[in-house]
Amino acid sequence: MRDIGAKMGERPKSVVIASGLALLGVLFALAAIITGLDLAAERLGTKMAIYILLMVLFLAVAGSLYKNGQWSWRFLIFMEVFCAVLPVAAYIFEFLDSFYTLALAAVACLTIMFTTTRGTKRWIDADRI
């Protein structure tokens, strides 16, 4: 007979996948920083600030999906939605390329999909501490 108490503390697979996707978003944001660095470009400071903000947001989302994470489930979903909206807004104002916009928005949407499951919500609200 399996020990049910030991099983409850483990991270669900959806949390592991969402955390991996958030780290993938960090890599895409880092690639956007590297490829977007054009010293002769206008608004370079603003572009770099948006890229770094995206990278930090995805890192924060990934960090909150580990044990002793800092956010409640509702705030985590809010931050993930912000991670999905920010690249689209940056694209509209011509700060981000279309490839990185699609990649970052898709990664954020997939992260939202995996963190809105019932098991993930239960783990974040009850078992994560």
N, C-alpha and C. Protein backbone atom coordinates (compact mmCIF):
# COMPACT_ATOMS: atom_id res chain seq x y z
N MET A 1 0.84 -1.18 0.00
CA MET A 1 0.00 0.00 0.00
C MET A 1 0.88 1.24 0.00
N ARG A 2 0.57 2.17 -0.85
CA ARG A 2 1.37 3.39 -0.96
C ARG A 2 1.05 4.36 0.17
N ASP A 3 2.06 5.12 0.56
CA ASP A 3 1.88 6.12 1.58
C ASP A 3 1.29 7.38 0.94
N ILE A 4 0.04 7.66 1.25
CA ILE A 4 -0.65 8.79 0.63
C ILE A 4 -0.06 10.11 1.11
N GLY A 5 0.36 10.19 2.36
CA GLY A 5 0.91 11.43 2.90
C GLY A 5 2.18 11.86 2.18
N ALA A 6 3.02 10.89 1.79
CA ALA A 6 4.25 11.23 1.08
C ALA A 6 3.94 11.70 -0.34
N LYS A 7 2.88 11.19 -0.91
CA LYS A 7 2.52 11.56 -2.27
C LYS A 7 1.97 12.98 -2.35
N MET A 8 1.31 13.46 -1.31
CA MET A 8 0.68 14.77 -1.35
C MET A 8 1.70 15.91 -1.41
N GLY A 9 2.89 15.71 -0.87
CA GLY A 9 3.87 16.78 -0.85
C GLY A 9 4.63 16.93 -2.15
N GLU A 10 4.54 15.97 -3.04
CA GLU A 10 5.28 16.02 -4.29
C GLU A 10 4.65 17.05 -5.24
N ARG A 11 5.52 17.63 -6.07
CA ARG A 11 5.01 18.58 -7.06
C ARG A 11 4.30 17.81 -8.17
N PRO A 12 3.12 18.26 -8.56
CA PRO A 12 2.44 17.63 -9.69
C PRO A 12 3.22 17.85 -10.98
N LYS A 13 3.04 16.95 -11.92
CA LYS A 13 3.74 17.06 -13.21
C LYS A 13 3.40 18.36 -13.93
N SER A 14 2.16 18.85 -13.76
CA SER A 14 1.79 20.10 -14.41
C SER A 14 2.60 21.27 -13.87
N VAL A 15 2.96 21.23 -12.60
CA VAL A 15 3.78 22.29 -12.01
C VAL A 15 5.20 22.21 -12.56
N VAL A 16 5.72 21.00 -12.69
CA VAL A 16 7.07 20.81 -13.24
C VAL A 16 7.12 21.30 -14.69
N ILE A 17 6.10 20.96 -15.47
CA ILE A 17 6.05 21.39 -16.87
C ILE A 17 5.93 22.92 -16.96
N ALA A 18 5.06 23.51 -16.13
CA ALA A 18 4.88 24.96 -16.14
C ALA A 18 6.18 25.67 -15.75
N SER A 19 6.88 25.13 -14.79
CA SER A 19 8.15 25.72 -14.38
C SER A 19 9.18 25.63 -15.50
N GLY A 20 9.22 24.50 -16.18
CA GLY A 20 10.12 24.36 -17.32
C GLY A 20 9.77 25.31 -18.45
N LEU A 21 8.48 25.50 -18.69
CA LEU A 21 8.06 26.45 -19.72
C LEU A 21 8.44 27.88 -19.35
N ALA A 22 8.30 28.23 -18.08
CA ALA A 22 8.69 29.57 -17.65
C ALA A 22 10.20 29.78 -17.85
N LEU A 23 10.99 28.74 -17.58
CA LEU A 23 12.43 28.84 -17.83
C LEU A 23 12.72 28.94 -19.32
N LEU A 24 11.90 28.30 -20.14
CA LEU A 24 12.04 28.46 -21.59
C LEU A 24 11.73 29.90 -21.99
N GLY A 25 10.76 30.51 -21.35
CA GLY A 25 10.47 31.92 -21.59
C GLY A 25 11.64 32.81 -21.23
N VAL A 26 12.37 32.45 -20.16
CA VAL A 26 13.59 33.19 -19.79
C VAL A 26 14.60 33.10 -20.92
N LEU A 27 14.76 31.92 -21.49
CA LEU A 27 15.73 31.75 -22.58
C LEU A 27 15.33 32.56 -23.81
N PHE A 28 14.04 32.59 -24.14
CA PHE A 28 13.58 33.40 -25.26
C PHE A 28 13.82 34.90 -24.99
N ALA A 29 13.56 35.33 -23.77
CA ALA A 29 13.79 36.74 -23.43
C ALA A 29 15.28 37.07 -23.50
N LEU A 30 16.12 36.14 -23.06
CA LEU A 30 17.56 36.35 -23.15
C LEU A 30 18.02 36.41 -24.60
N ALA A 31 17.45 35.56 -25.43
CA ALA A 31 17.77 35.60 -26.86
C ALA A 31 17.31 36.92 -27.48
N ALA A 32 16.18 37.43 -27.04
CA ALA A 32 15.71 38.73 -27.55
C ALA A 32 16.66 39.84 -27.14
N ILE A 33 17.20 39.74 -25.93
CA ILE A 33 18.18 40.74 -25.48
C ILE A 33 19.41 40.69 -26.38
N ILE A 34 19.91 39.49 -26.62
CA ILE A 34 21.15 39.34 -27.40
C ILE A 34 20.95 39.80 -28.84
N THR A 35 19.87 39.37 -29.46
CA THR A 35 19.66 39.74 -30.87
C THR A 35 19.17 41.17 -31.03
N GLY A 36 18.58 41.74 -30.00
CA GLY A 36 18.05 43.10 -30.11
C GLY A 36 19.04 44.18 -29.75
N LEU A 37 20.23 43.79 -29.37
CA LEU A 37 21.24 44.77 -28.98
C LEU A 37 21.87 45.41 -30.21
N ASP A 38 21.35 46.55 -30.56
CA ASP A 38 21.85 47.32 -31.69
C ASP A 38 22.17 48.72 -31.16
N LEU A 39 23.45 48.99 -31.00
CA LEU A 39 23.85 50.23 -30.34
C LEU A 39 23.47 51.48 -31.12
N ALA A 40 23.20 51.34 -32.42
CA ALA A 40 22.81 52.49 -33.22
C ALA A 40 21.30 52.70 -33.26
N ALA A 41 20.54 51.82 -32.64
CA ALA A 41 19.08 51.89 -32.71
C ALA A 41 18.52 52.98 -31.80
N GLU A 42 17.38 53.48 -32.23
CA GLU A 42 16.65 54.42 -31.38
C GLU A 42 15.97 53.63 -30.27
N ARG A 43 15.71 54.30 -29.18
CA ARG A 43 14.98 53.72 -28.05
C ARG A 43 15.61 52.42 -27.54
N LEU A 44 16.93 52.35 -27.59
CA LEU A 44 17.62 51.14 -27.16
C LEU A 44 17.39 50.86 -25.67
N GLY A 45 17.41 51.91 -24.87
CA GLY A 45 17.20 51.74 -23.44
C GLY A 45 15.84 51.16 -23.12
N THR A 46 14.83 51.64 -23.81
CA THR A 46 13.48 51.14 -23.58
C THR A 46 13.35 49.68 -24.03
N LYS A 47 13.93 49.36 -25.17
CA LYS A 47 13.88 47.99 -25.65
C LYS A 47 14.56 47.03 -24.66
N MET A 48 15.74 47.41 -24.20
CA MET A 48 16.46 46.55 -23.27
C MET A 48 15.71 46.42 -21.94
N ALA A 49 15.08 47.50 -21.50
CA ALA A 49 14.31 47.45 -20.26
C ALA A 49 13.13 46.49 -20.38
N ILE A 50 12.46 46.50 -21.52
CA ILE A 50 11.34 45.58 -21.74
C ILE A 50 11.83 44.14 -21.79
N TYR A 51 12.93 43.91 -22.48
CA TYR A 51 13.48 42.55 -22.58
C TYR A 51 13.89 42.03 -21.20
N ILE A 52 14.54 42.88 -20.43
CA ILE A 52 14.97 42.47 -19.09
C ILE A 52 13.76 42.26 -18.18
N LEU A 53 12.75 43.11 -18.30
CA LEU A 53 11.52 42.93 -17.53
C LEU A 53 10.86 41.59 -17.85
N LEU A 54 10.80 41.25 -19.14
CA LEU A 54 10.24 39.96 -19.52
C LEU A 54 11.04 38.81 -18.92
N MET A 55 12.35 38.91 -18.96
CA MET A 55 13.18 37.85 -18.42
C MET A 55 12.97 37.71 -16.91
N VAL A 56 12.91 38.81 -16.21
CA VAL A 56 12.72 38.78 -14.76
C VAL A 56 11.33 38.24 -14.41
N LEU A 57 10.32 38.63 -15.17
CA LEU A 57 8.96 38.11 -14.91
C LEU A 57 8.89 36.60 -15.08
N PHE A 58 9.48 36.09 -16.16
CA PHE A 58 9.46 34.64 -16.36
C PHE A 58 10.28 33.93 -15.28
N LEU A 59 11.39 34.52 -14.85
CA LEU A 59 12.16 33.93 -13.75
C LEU A 59 11.36 33.91 -12.46
N ALA A 60 10.63 34.97 -12.19
CA ALA A 60 9.81 35.04 -10.98
C ALA A 60 8.68 34.00 -11.02
N VAL A 61 8.08 33.82 -12.19
CA VAL A 61 7.02 32.81 -12.33
C VAL A 61 7.61 31.42 -12.10
N ALA A 62 8.77 31.16 -12.69
CA ALA A 62 9.41 29.85 -12.50
C ALA A 62 9.76 29.64 -11.03
N GLY A 63 10.25 30.66 -10.37
CA GLY A 63 10.60 30.54 -8.96
C GLY A 63 9.40 30.32 -8.05
N SER A 64 8.28 30.87 -8.43
CA SER A 64 7.09 30.70 -7.59
C SER A 64 6.48 29.31 -7.72
N LEU A 65 6.94 28.54 -8.68
CA LEU A 65 6.42 27.19 -8.86
C LEU A 65 7.26 26.13 -8.15
N TYR A 66 8.12 26.56 -7.26
CA TYR A 66 8.91 25.63 -6.46
C TYR A 66 8.41 25.66 -5.03
N LYS A 67 8.89 24.74 -4.22
CA LYS A 67 8.49 24.70 -2.82
C LYS A 67 8.83 26.03 -2.16
N ASN A 68 8.00 26.45 -1.24
CA ASN A 68 8.13 27.73 -0.55
C ASN A 68 8.10 28.91 -1.51
N GLY A 69 7.29 28.80 -2.56
CA GLY A 69 7.13 29.90 -3.51
C GLY A 69 6.50 31.11 -2.85
N GLN A 70 6.67 32.25 -3.46
CA GLN A 70 6.32 33.50 -2.81
C GLN A 70 4.90 33.98 -3.08
N TRP A 71 4.19 33.41 -4.03
CA TRP A 71 2.91 33.98 -4.43
C TRP A 71 1.76 33.01 -4.20
N SER A 72 0.58 33.59 -4.02
CA SER A 72 -0.64 32.78 -3.99
C SER A 72 -0.98 32.36 -5.42
N TRP A 73 -1.91 31.44 -5.55
CA TRP A 73 -2.26 30.93 -6.87
C TRP A 73 -2.87 32.04 -7.73
N ARG A 74 -3.73 32.87 -7.17
CA ARG A 74 -4.36 33.95 -7.94
C ARG A 74 -3.34 34.96 -8.44
N PHE A 75 -2.39 35.33 -7.59
CA PHE A 75 -1.37 36.28 -8.02
C PHE A 75 -0.45 35.66 -9.06
N LEU A 76 -0.19 34.38 -8.95
CA LEU A 76 0.62 33.67 -9.94
C LEU A 76 -0.06 33.72 -11.31
N ILE A 77 -1.35 33.49 -11.35
CA ILE A 77 -2.08 33.56 -12.61
C ILE A 77 -2.05 34.98 -13.16
N PHE A 78 -2.20 35.98 -12.29
CA PHE A 78 -2.11 37.37 -12.72
C PHE A 78 -0.75 37.65 -13.36
N MET A 79 0.32 37.20 -12.74
CA MET A 79 1.66 37.44 -13.27
C MET A 79 1.86 36.70 -14.60
N GLU A 80 1.30 35.52 -14.73
CA GLU A 80 1.40 34.78 -15.99
C GLU A 80 0.64 35.49 -17.11
N VAL A 81 -0.52 36.04 -16.79
CA VAL A 81 -1.27 36.82 -17.78
C VAL A 81 -0.47 38.06 -18.17
N PHE A 82 0.17 38.69 -17.21
CA PHE A 82 1.03 39.83 -17.50
C PHE A 82 2.19 39.41 -18.41
N CYS A 83 2.74 38.21 -18.18
CA CYS A 83 3.81 37.69 -19.05
C CYS A 83 3.29 37.44 -20.47
N ALA A 84 2.02 37.18 -20.63
CA ALA A 84 1.46 36.95 -21.96
C ALA A 84 1.10 38.27 -22.66
N VAL A 85 0.69 39.26 -21.89
CA VAL A 85 0.25 40.53 -22.46
C VAL A 85 1.42 41.45 -22.79
N LEU A 86 2.45 41.44 -21.98
CA LEU A 86 3.58 42.36 -22.18
C LEU A 86 4.28 42.18 -23.53
N PRO A 87 4.55 40.96 -24.00
CA PRO A 87 5.18 40.86 -25.32
C PRO A 87 4.28 41.39 -26.45
N VAL A 88 2.98 41.17 -26.34
CA VAL A 88 2.05 41.66 -27.36
C VAL A 88 2.04 43.19 -27.36
N ALA A 89 2.01 43.79 -26.18
CA ALA A 89 2.05 45.25 -26.09
C ALA A 89 3.38 45.79 -26.62
N ALA A 90 4.47 45.10 -26.32
CA ALA A 90 5.77 45.53 -26.83
C ALA A 90 5.84 45.42 -28.35
N TYR A 91 5.18 44.42 -28.90
CA TYR A 91 5.13 44.28 -30.36
C TYR A 91 4.30 45.40 -31.00
N ILE A 92 3.18 45.73 -30.37
CA ILE A 92 2.32 46.80 -30.89
C ILE A 92 3.08 48.12 -30.94
N PHE A 93 3.89 48.38 -29.92
CA PHE A 93 4.67 49.62 -29.89
C PHE A 93 6.05 49.47 -30.54
N GLU A 94 6.23 48.38 -31.28
CA GLU A 94 7.42 48.11 -32.09
C GLU A 94 8.71 48.05 -31.27
N PHE A 95 8.63 47.41 -30.11
CA PHE A 95 9.83 47.18 -29.31
C PHE A 95 10.31 45.74 -29.42
N LEU A 96 9.48 44.84 -29.93
CA LEU A 96 9.79 43.42 -29.94
C LEU A 96 9.49 42.84 -31.32
N ASP A 97 10.34 41.93 -31.77
CA ASP A 97 10.14 41.27 -33.06
C ASP A 97 8.96 40.31 -32.99
N SER A 98 8.39 39.99 -34.13
CA SER A 98 7.22 39.12 -34.17
C SER A 98 7.54 37.71 -33.70
N PHE A 99 8.74 37.19 -34.01
CA PHE A 99 9.10 35.85 -33.57
C PHE A 99 9.11 35.76 -32.05
N TYR A 100 9.77 36.69 -31.39
CA TYR A 100 9.85 36.66 -29.93
C TYR A 100 8.49 36.96 -29.30
N THR A 101 7.70 37.77 -29.95
CA THR A 101 6.35 38.03 -29.44
C THR A 101 5.54 36.75 -29.43
N LEU A 102 5.54 36.04 -30.55
CA LEU A 102 4.79 34.78 -30.62
C LEU A 102 5.35 33.74 -29.66
N ALA A 103 6.67 33.64 -29.60
CA ALA A 103 7.28 32.64 -28.73
C ALA A 103 6.98 32.92 -27.26
N LEU A 104 7.17 34.14 -26.83
CA LEU A 104 6.93 34.47 -25.42
C LEU A 104 5.46 34.40 -25.05
N ALA A 105 4.58 34.86 -25.93
CA ALA A 105 3.15 34.78 -25.65
C ALA A 105 2.68 33.33 -25.61
N ALA A 106 3.20 32.51 -26.52
CA ALA A 106 2.83 31.09 -26.53
C ALA A 106 3.32 30.37 -25.28
N VAL A 107 4.55 30.65 -24.88
CA VAL A 107 5.08 30.04 -23.65
C VAL A 107 4.27 30.48 -22.44
N ALA A 108 3.92 31.75 -22.38
CA ALA A 108 3.11 32.24 -21.26
C ALA A 108 1.73 31.60 -21.25
N CYS A 109 1.12 31.46 -22.42
CA CYS A 109 -0.21 30.82 -22.48
C CYS A 109 -0.14 29.34 -22.08
N LEU A 110 0.90 28.65 -22.50
CA LEU A 110 1.06 27.25 -22.09
C LEU A 110 1.31 27.15 -20.59
N THR A 111 2.06 28.08 -20.03
CA THR A 111 2.28 28.09 -18.59
C THR A 111 0.96 28.31 -17.86
N ILE A 112 0.15 29.22 -18.36
CA ILE A 112 -1.16 29.44 -17.76
C ILE A 112 -2.00 28.17 -17.83
N MET A 113 -1.96 27.51 -18.98
CA MET A 113 -2.74 26.29 -19.15
C MET A 113 -2.35 25.23 -18.11
N PHE A 114 -1.06 25.09 -17.85
CA PHE A 114 -0.63 24.06 -16.91
C PHE A 114 -0.82 24.46 -15.45
N THR A 115 -0.86 25.74 -15.14
CA THR A 115 -1.04 26.15 -13.75
C THR A 115 -2.50 26.37 -13.37
N THR A 116 -3.41 26.26 -14.30
CA THR A 116 -4.83 26.40 -13.95
C THR A 116 -5.51 25.06 -13.71
N THR A 117 -4.74 24.00 -13.64
CA THR A 117 -5.33 22.70 -13.34
C THR A 117 -5.68 22.62 -11.86
N ARG A 118 -6.58 21.74 -11.54
CA ARG A 118 -7.04 21.59 -10.16
C ARG A 118 -5.92 21.12 -9.23
N GLY A 119 -5.10 20.18 -9.71
CA GLY A 119 -4.00 19.67 -8.89
C GLY A 119 -2.94 20.72 -8.62
N THR A 120 -2.68 21.56 -9.60
CA THR A 120 -1.70 22.62 -9.41
C THR A 120 -2.20 23.65 -8.40
N LYS A 121 -3.46 24.02 -8.52
CA LYS A 121 -4.03 24.98 -7.57
C LYS A 121 -3.99 24.44 -6.16
N ARG A 122 -4.33 23.17 -5.99
CA ARG A 122 -4.31 22.56 -4.66
C ARG A 122 -2.89 22.53 -4.11
N TRP A 123 -1.91 22.17 -4.95
CA TRP A 123 -0.54 22.09 -4.50
C TRP A 123 -0.01 23.46 -4.09
N ILE A 124 -0.32 24.48 -4.88
CA ILE A 124 0.17 25.83 -4.57
C ILE A 124 -0.49 26.36 -3.30
N ASP A 125 -1.79 26.14 -3.16
CA ASP A 125 -2.51 26.68 -2.00
C ASP A 125 -2.29 25.89 -0.71
N ALA A 126 -2.06 24.58 -0.81
CA ALA A 126 -2.03 23.78 0.40
C ALA A 126 -0.70 23.06 0.65
N ASP A 127 -0.13 22.44 -0.36
CA ASP A 127 0.99 21.53 -0.14
C ASP A 127 2.36 22.15 -0.37
N ARG A 128 2.42 23.34 -0.90
CA ARG A 128 3.71 23.91 -1.30
C ARG A 128 4.58 24.30 -0.10
N ILE A 129 3.99 24.64 0.99
CA ILE A 129 4.74 25.14 2.16
C ILE A 129 5.52 24.03 2.82
